[in-house]
Amino acid sequence: MPVRRISVRFGPRTVRTVLVAFNFRAHDEGCYSQRLDRAFKHGGGGPRRSGTGSPLPAVLRASGGRSDTVCLCHRRHLTVLDSVSGIRDRQEGTVAFGMFNSGQYVLSGLIPAFRALYPNIHVRVIGSNSAQVADLVRAGRLEAGVVALPIDARGLTMGDVLWSCEAAYFHTKPALTEPVTIEGLLQRPLVLPDSGWAQNDPTRRQLSERAQTVGMPFIPDIEVETGAAALAIAASGTAAAVASVPVAEALGYTNRLNYVSLDPPLIETFAIISRDPASLSPATQAMIKLAEEHMRMLHRQYQPT
């Protein structure tokens, strides 16, 4: 079922949903359907922004304003998770899951969805970079994680690529509207995240390879640890940043900064890795299933053209 942004109008008010896949409570289906019907018919008790206590924080797209379609998404979601036997009855435990730093912005709905279904399972999200997540999984310190590609895949089992999106050039120059080549990128002040992982970072590896083809060294003018910090510096006008469009949108910078594609476009791809899929704990299996569904939805929204 495709996921799209929709605006649902309740009288004079319009609630614009944002993509936070599966970020809703696992209500009993009958009660859930009744609440949806009331929300769509009357509006006053209808969907509100996530965190307000509404039964519909961040409503799933594609409903077209119809509660039966949203309920279908809800039932399908529960069916996926019911296939992981036994975890729903667990009283305690911990799931540790790897995720690169910027992924925590766009996959923010993953953890609330897991906790809504398994409130007694503690969650630890670990990782500042995909290369670090790969090292932790390879060493057995994590069972699985979400990474950006490419990574060093030795000793790892790589899942299918579930999500791809474009990384763009974010800047404050209104006159710059054409795609930026690697030569143009290197001639302008540039800030990049993941300073602690330098050339092991997947996005930097792609940019470094492009620089090598034109015989130029790839050395950013400014290096910071997080994508949020890089975009904040770009917003100050000090330097431009190369960042994932979904991450920039999640942080609110697609409305504050100009951005253009690189030439050729830089496409980031994402997958789930593990060391031994056959020995994954039930909690990790459940987290992976949620992550897979979430990433597929993100892929449909940010499908590169």
Protein backbone atom coordinates (compact mmCIF):
# COMPACT_ATOMS: atom_id res chain seq x y z
CA MET A 1 0.00 0.00 0.00
CA PRO A 2 1.70 3.26 -1.07
CA VAL A 3 2.34 5.93 1.51
CA ARG A 4 1.68 9.55 0.64
CA ARG A 5 1.34 12.81 2.47
CA ILE A 6 -2.28 13.81 2.91
CA SER A 7 -4.07 16.73 4.50
CA VAL A 8 -7.26 15.84 6.34
CA ARG A 9 -9.56 18.82 6.90
CA PHE A 10 -11.71 18.99 10.01
CA GLY A 11 -13.95 22.03 9.62
CA PRO A 12 -11.69 25.10 9.64
CA ARG A 13 -8.60 23.18 10.72
CA THR A 14 -6.23 21.11 8.67
CA VAL A 15 -3.94 18.58 10.26
CA ARG A 16 -0.97 17.87 8.03
CA THR A 17 0.53 14.50 8.79
CA VAL A 18 4.22 13.78 8.62
CA LEU A 19 5.95 10.52 7.90
CA VAL A 20 6.53 8.73 11.17
CA ALA A 21 5.75 5.20 10.11
CA PHE A 22 4.00 2.95 12.62
CA ASN A 23 4.12 5.67 15.26
CA PHE A 24 0.78 4.78 16.81
CA ARG A 25 -0.61 2.80 19.72
CA ALA A 26 -1.59 -0.82 19.30
CA HIS A 27 -5.24 -0.45 20.21
CA ASP A 28 -7.79 -3.23 20.12
CA GLU A 29 -9.04 -3.25 16.52
CA GLY A 30 -12.70 -2.72 17.38
CA CYS A 31 -11.94 0.18 19.69
CA TYR A 32 -9.39 1.52 17.21
CA SER A 33 -11.92 1.46 14.37
CA GLN A 34 -14.57 3.21 16.45
CA ARG A 35 -12.13 5.94 17.44
CA LEU A 36 -11.13 6.39 13.83
CA ASP A 37 -14.75 6.70 12.75
CA ARG A 38 -15.36 9.37 15.38
CA ALA A 39 -12.18 11.19 14.37
CA PHE A 40 -13.02 11.34 10.69
CA LYS A 41 -16.71 12.13 11.19
CA HIS A 42 -16.54 14.75 13.91
CA GLY A 43 -13.03 16.17 13.86
CA GLY A 44 -13.11 17.52 17.40
CA GLY A 45 -11.65 14.35 18.88
CA GLY A 46 -9.70 13.55 15.74
CA PRO A 47 -6.04 13.19 14.94
CA ARG A 48 -3.62 15.62 16.49
CA ARG A 49 0.15 15.92 16.36
CA SER A 50 2.18 13.08 17.83
CA GLY A 51 2.48 13.23 21.59
CA THR A 52 -0.89 14.85 22.30
CA GLY A 53 -2.54 11.67 23.53
CA SER A 54 -4.60 11.22 20.39
CA PRO A 55 -5.30 7.65 19.22
CA LEU A 56 -3.79 8.71 15.88
CA PRO A 57 -0.38 10.31 16.31
CA ALA A 58 1.10 10.65 12.81
CA VAL A 59 -1.70 8.85 10.95
CA LEU A 60 -0.54 6.46 8.26
CA ARG A 61 -0.88 7.87 4.80
CA ALA A 62 -2.99 6.48 1.95
CA SER A 63 -6.17 6.56 4.00
CA GLY A 64 -7.76 9.15 1.75
CA GLY A 65 -9.66 10.21 4.84
CA ARG A 66 -11.13 6.72 5.29
CA SER A 67 -10.87 5.00 8.64
CA ASP A 68 -11.26 1.51 7.14
CA THR A 69 -8.06 1.95 5.11
CA VAL A 70 -6.09 3.07 8.16
CA CYS A 71 -7.44 0.08 10.09
CA LEU A 72 -6.27 -2.19 7.27
CA CYS A 73 -2.73 -0.76 7.72
CA HIS A 74 -3.06 -1.35 11.45
CA ARG A 75 -4.14 -4.99 11.04
CA ARG A 76 -1.37 -5.63 8.53
CA HIS A 77 1.16 -4.14 10.95
CA LEU A 78 0.04 -6.42 13.77
CA THR A 79 0.12 -9.46 11.48
CA VAL A 80 3.78 -8.84 10.72
CA LEU A 81 4.65 -8.65 14.40
CA ASP A 82 2.52 -11.61 15.48
CA SER A 83 4.85 -13.84 13.45
CA VAL A 84 7.53 -13.32 16.12
CA SER A 85 6.34 -15.92 18.61
CA GLY A 86 6.55 -15.39 22.32
CA ILE A 87 7.93 -11.84 22.53
CA ARG A 88 4.54 -10.24 23.16
CA ASP A 89 4.32 -12.15 26.46
CA ARG A 90 7.81 -11.25 27.69
CA GLN A 91 7.93 -9.48 31.04
CA GLU A 92 11.45 -8.06 30.81
CA GLY A 93 14.58 -7.99 28.71
CA THR A 94 16.64 -5.66 26.55
CA VAL A 95 17.06 -5.27 22.81
CA ALA A 96 20.19 -3.48 21.59
CA PHE A 97 19.99 -2.31 17.99
CA GLY A 98 22.57 -0.51 15.90
CA MET A 99 21.69 2.61 13.92
CA PHE A 100 23.83 5.26 12.26
CA ASN A 101 23.49 8.70 13.81
CA SER A 102 21.37 10.44 11.17
CA GLY A 103 19.06 7.43 10.86
CA GLN A 104 17.72 8.18 14.31
CA TYR A 105 16.06 11.33 12.93
CA VAL A 106 14.16 9.68 10.08
CA LEU A 107 13.53 6.36 11.83
CA SER A 108 12.29 8.04 14.99
CA GLY A 109 8.92 6.27 14.78
CA LEU A 110 10.58 2.87 15.07
CA ILE A 111 11.29 2.98 18.80
CA PRO A 112 7.86 4.30 19.91
CA ALA A 113 6.21 1.61 17.77
CA PHE A 114 8.32 -1.12 19.37
CA ARG A 115 7.68 0.15 22.89
CA ALA A 116 3.95 0.47 22.27
CA LEU A 117 3.86 -3.22 21.38
CA TYR A 118 6.43 -4.46 23.91
CA PRO A 119 6.42 -2.01 26.83
CA ASN A 120 8.45 -4.29 29.10
CA ILE A 121 11.37 -4.68 26.71
CA HIS A 122 14.10 -2.11 27.26
CA VAL A 123 15.54 -0.56 24.10
CA ARG A 124 19.13 0.58 23.52
CA VAL A 125 19.96 2.25 20.20
CA ILE A 126 23.72 2.30 19.65
CA GLY A 127 25.91 3.86 17.00
CA SER A 128 27.19 7.16 15.66
CA ASN A 129 28.17 5.96 12.18
CA SER A 130 27.46 3.01 9.89
CA ALA A 131 31.11 1.91 10.02
CA GLN A 132 30.89 1.77 13.81
CA VAL A 133 27.64 -0.21 13.71
CA ALA A 134 29.26 -2.69 11.31
CA ASP A 135 32.25 -3.10 13.64
CA LEU A 136 29.99 -3.67 16.66
CA VAL A 137 27.90 -6.30 14.85
CA ARG A 138 31.03 -8.00 13.51
CA ALA A 139 32.49 -8.15 17.02
CA GLY A 140 29.29 -9.66 18.46
CA ARG A 141 28.53 -6.63 20.63
CA LEU A 142 25.31 -6.05 18.66
CA GLU A 143 23.07 -8.61 16.99
CA ALA A 144 21.93 -6.36 14.15
CA GLY A 145 21.65 -2.79 12.94
CA VAL A 146 20.66 -0.39 10.17
CA VAL A 147 23.56 0.95 8.10
CA ALA A 148 24.22 3.16 5.11
CA LEU A 149 26.18 1.49 2.33
CA PRO A 150 28.94 0.85 1.41
CA ILE A 151 30.54 -0.64 4.52
CA ASP A 152 33.18 -3.28 5.21
CA ALA A 153 30.96 -6.38 4.96
CA ARG A 154 33.50 -8.95 6.16
CA GLY A 155 31.93 -11.34 8.68
CA LEU A 156 28.47 -9.83 8.21
CA THR A 157 25.22 -10.95 6.63
CA MET A 158 23.81 -8.15 4.53
CA GLY A 159 20.06 -7.83 4.08
CA ASP A 160 18.40 -6.45 0.98
CA VAL A 161 18.65 -2.74 0.23
CA LEU A 162 15.33 -1.53 1.64
CA TRP A 163 15.69 2.22 1.31
CA SER A 164 17.52 4.63 -0.94
CA CYS A 165 17.44 8.41 -1.06
CA GLU A 166 19.41 11.34 -2.39
CA ALA A 167 22.06 13.33 -0.55
CA ALA A 168 22.01 16.93 -1.76
CA TYR A 169 24.08 20.10 -1.52
CA PHE A 170 22.52 22.44 1.09
CA HIS A 171 23.50 26.12 0.90
CA THR A 172 22.33 29.71 1.38
CA LYS A 173 23.00 31.07 -2.12
CA PRO A 174 19.69 31.66 -3.95
CA ALA A 175 21.52 32.10 -7.28
CA LEU A 176 22.89 28.55 -7.17
CA THR A 177 20.23 26.40 -8.83
CA GLU A 178 22.27 24.01 -11.00
CA PRO A 179 23.61 20.62 -9.86
CA VAL A 180 27.09 20.80 -8.30
CA THR A 181 29.96 18.76 -9.74
CA ILE A 182 32.72 17.32 -7.59
CA GLU A 183 35.03 20.09 -8.85
CA GLY A 184 32.49 22.72 -7.82
CA LEU A 185 32.03 21.02 -4.46
CA LEU A 186 35.75 21.13 -3.70
CA GLN A 187 36.07 24.78 -4.70
CA ARG A 188 33.50 25.95 -2.14
CA PRO A 189 33.60 25.89 1.69
CA LEU A 190 32.16 22.55 2.80
CA VAL A 191 31.06 21.12 6.16
CA LEU A 192 30.49 17.38 6.63
CA PRO A 193 29.35 15.26 9.59
CA ASP A 194 30.88 12.07 11.03
CA SER A 195 34.23 13.64 11.90
CA GLY A 196 35.12 10.72 14.14
CA TRP A 197 34.91 8.24 11.26
CA ALA A 198 36.37 10.33 8.43
CA GLN A 199 36.97 8.22 5.32
CA ASN A 200 35.12 5.17 6.72
CA ASP A 201 31.83 7.05 6.49
CA PRO A 202 29.81 5.71 3.51
CA THR A 203 28.88 9.15 2.10
CA ARG A 204 32.45 10.41 2.41
CA ARG A 205 33.70 7.31 0.65
CA GLN A 206 31.50 8.10 -2.34
CA LEU A 207 32.66 11.71 -2.40
CA SER A 208 36.32 10.69 -2.02
CA GLU A 209 36.02 8.32 -4.98
CA ARG A 210 34.63 11.15 -7.09
CA ALA A 211 37.48 13.44 -6.06
CA GLN A 212 40.02 10.78 -6.99
CA THR A 213 38.64 10.57 -10.53
CA VAL A 214 39.57 14.22 -11.09
CA GLY A 215 42.88 13.97 -9.23
CA MET A 216 41.89 16.18 -6.33
CA PRO A 217 42.16 15.51 -2.56
CA PHE A 218 38.89 15.44 -0.66
CA ILE A 219 39.29 17.50 2.52
CA PRO A 220 36.22 19.25 3.98
CA ASP A 221 36.80 22.71 5.42
CA ILE A 222 34.79 21.91 8.54
CA GLU A 223 34.07 18.53 10.16
CA VAL A 224 31.49 17.95 12.88
CA GLU A 225 30.03 14.85 14.46
CA THR A 226 26.34 15.02 13.54
CA GLY A 227 24.21 15.85 10.53
CA ALA A 228 22.26 18.33 12.65
CA ALA A 229 25.44 20.26 13.45
CA ALA A 230 26.52 20.28 9.78
CA LEU A 231 23.17 21.65 8.64
CA ALA A 232 23.19 24.29 11.39
CA ILE A 233 26.56 25.52 10.13
CA ALA A 234 25.24 25.53 6.57
CA ALA A 235 22.29 27.64 7.73
CA SER A 236 24.73 30.20 9.15
CA GLY A 237 26.22 30.69 5.68
CA THR A 238 29.71 29.65 6.81
CA ALA A 239 29.86 26.61 4.53
CA ALA A 240 27.57 24.39 2.50
CA ALA A 241 26.76 20.83 3.57
CA VAL A 242 26.12 17.55 1.80
CA ALA A 243 23.29 15.83 3.63
CA SER A 244 20.55 13.28 3.14
CA VAL A 245 17.34 15.00 2.04
CA PRO A 246 15.11 12.99 4.45
CA VAL A 247 17.41 13.88 7.36
CA ALA A 248 17.36 17.57 6.42
CA GLU A 249 13.57 17.44 6.11
CA ALA A 250 13.20 15.74 9.49
CA LEU A 251 15.32 18.51 11.05
CA GLY A 252 13.39 21.29 9.30
CA TYR A 253 16.19 22.48 7.01
CA THR A 254 14.52 21.85 3.65
CA ASN A 255 12.43 24.95 4.38
CA ARG A 256 15.34 27.01 5.65
CA LEU A 257 18.08 26.22 3.13
CA ASN A 258 18.39 26.03 -0.64
CA TYR A 259 19.49 22.67 -1.97
CA VAL A 260 20.46 21.18 -5.31
CA SER A 261 21.57 17.75 -6.47
CA LEU A 262 25.16 16.79 -6.98
CA ASP A 263 26.28 15.97 -10.53
CA PRO A 264 25.90 13.05 -10.88
CA PRO A 265 23.29 12.63 -8.11
CA LEU A 266 24.61 11.03 -4.95
CA ILE A 267 22.29 8.21 -3.91
CA GLU A 268 22.55 6.73 -0.43
CA THR A 269 21.36 3.16 0.16
CA PHE A 270 20.48 1.49 3.44
CA ALA A 271 20.20 -2.08 4.66
CA ILE A 272 20.02 -4.17 7.83
CA ILE A 273 23.07 -6.21 8.81
CA SER A 274 23.59 -9.05 11.27
CA ARG A 275 26.32 -11.56 12.00
CA ASP A 276 24.27 -14.74 12.28
CA PRO A 277 20.58 -14.37 11.28
CA ALA A 278 19.79 -17.88 12.56
CA SER A 279 20.72 -16.96 16.15
CA LEU A 280 18.91 -13.64 16.49
CA SER A 281 16.89 -13.22 19.68
CA PRO A 282 13.09 -12.84 19.36
CA ALA A 283 13.34 -9.20 20.47
CA THR A 284 15.89 -8.40 17.76
CA GLN A 285 13.79 -10.24 15.16
CA ALA A 286 10.80 -8.09 16.12
CA MET A 287 12.86 -4.91 15.88
CA ILE A 288 14.16 -5.94 12.45
CA LYS A 289 10.66 -6.61 11.13
CA LEU A 290 9.52 -3.18 12.27
CA ALA A 291 12.62 -1.55 10.78
CA GLU A 292 12.10 -3.31 7.45
CA GLU A 293 8.53 -2.09 7.14
CA HIS A 294 9.51 1.41 8.19
CA MET A 295 12.38 1.60 5.69
CA ARG A 296 10.19 0.36 2.84
CA MET A 297 7.76 3.18 3.55
CA LEU A 298 10.57 5.71 3.59
CA HIS A 299 11.83 4.31 0.28
CA ARG A 300 8.44 4.82 -1.32
CA GLN A 301 8.35 8.43 -0.14
CA TYR A 302 11.93 9.31 -1.10
CA GLN A 303 12.30 7.15 -4.20
CA PRO A 304 15.17 8.65 -6.24
CA THR A 305 14.16 9.80 -9.71
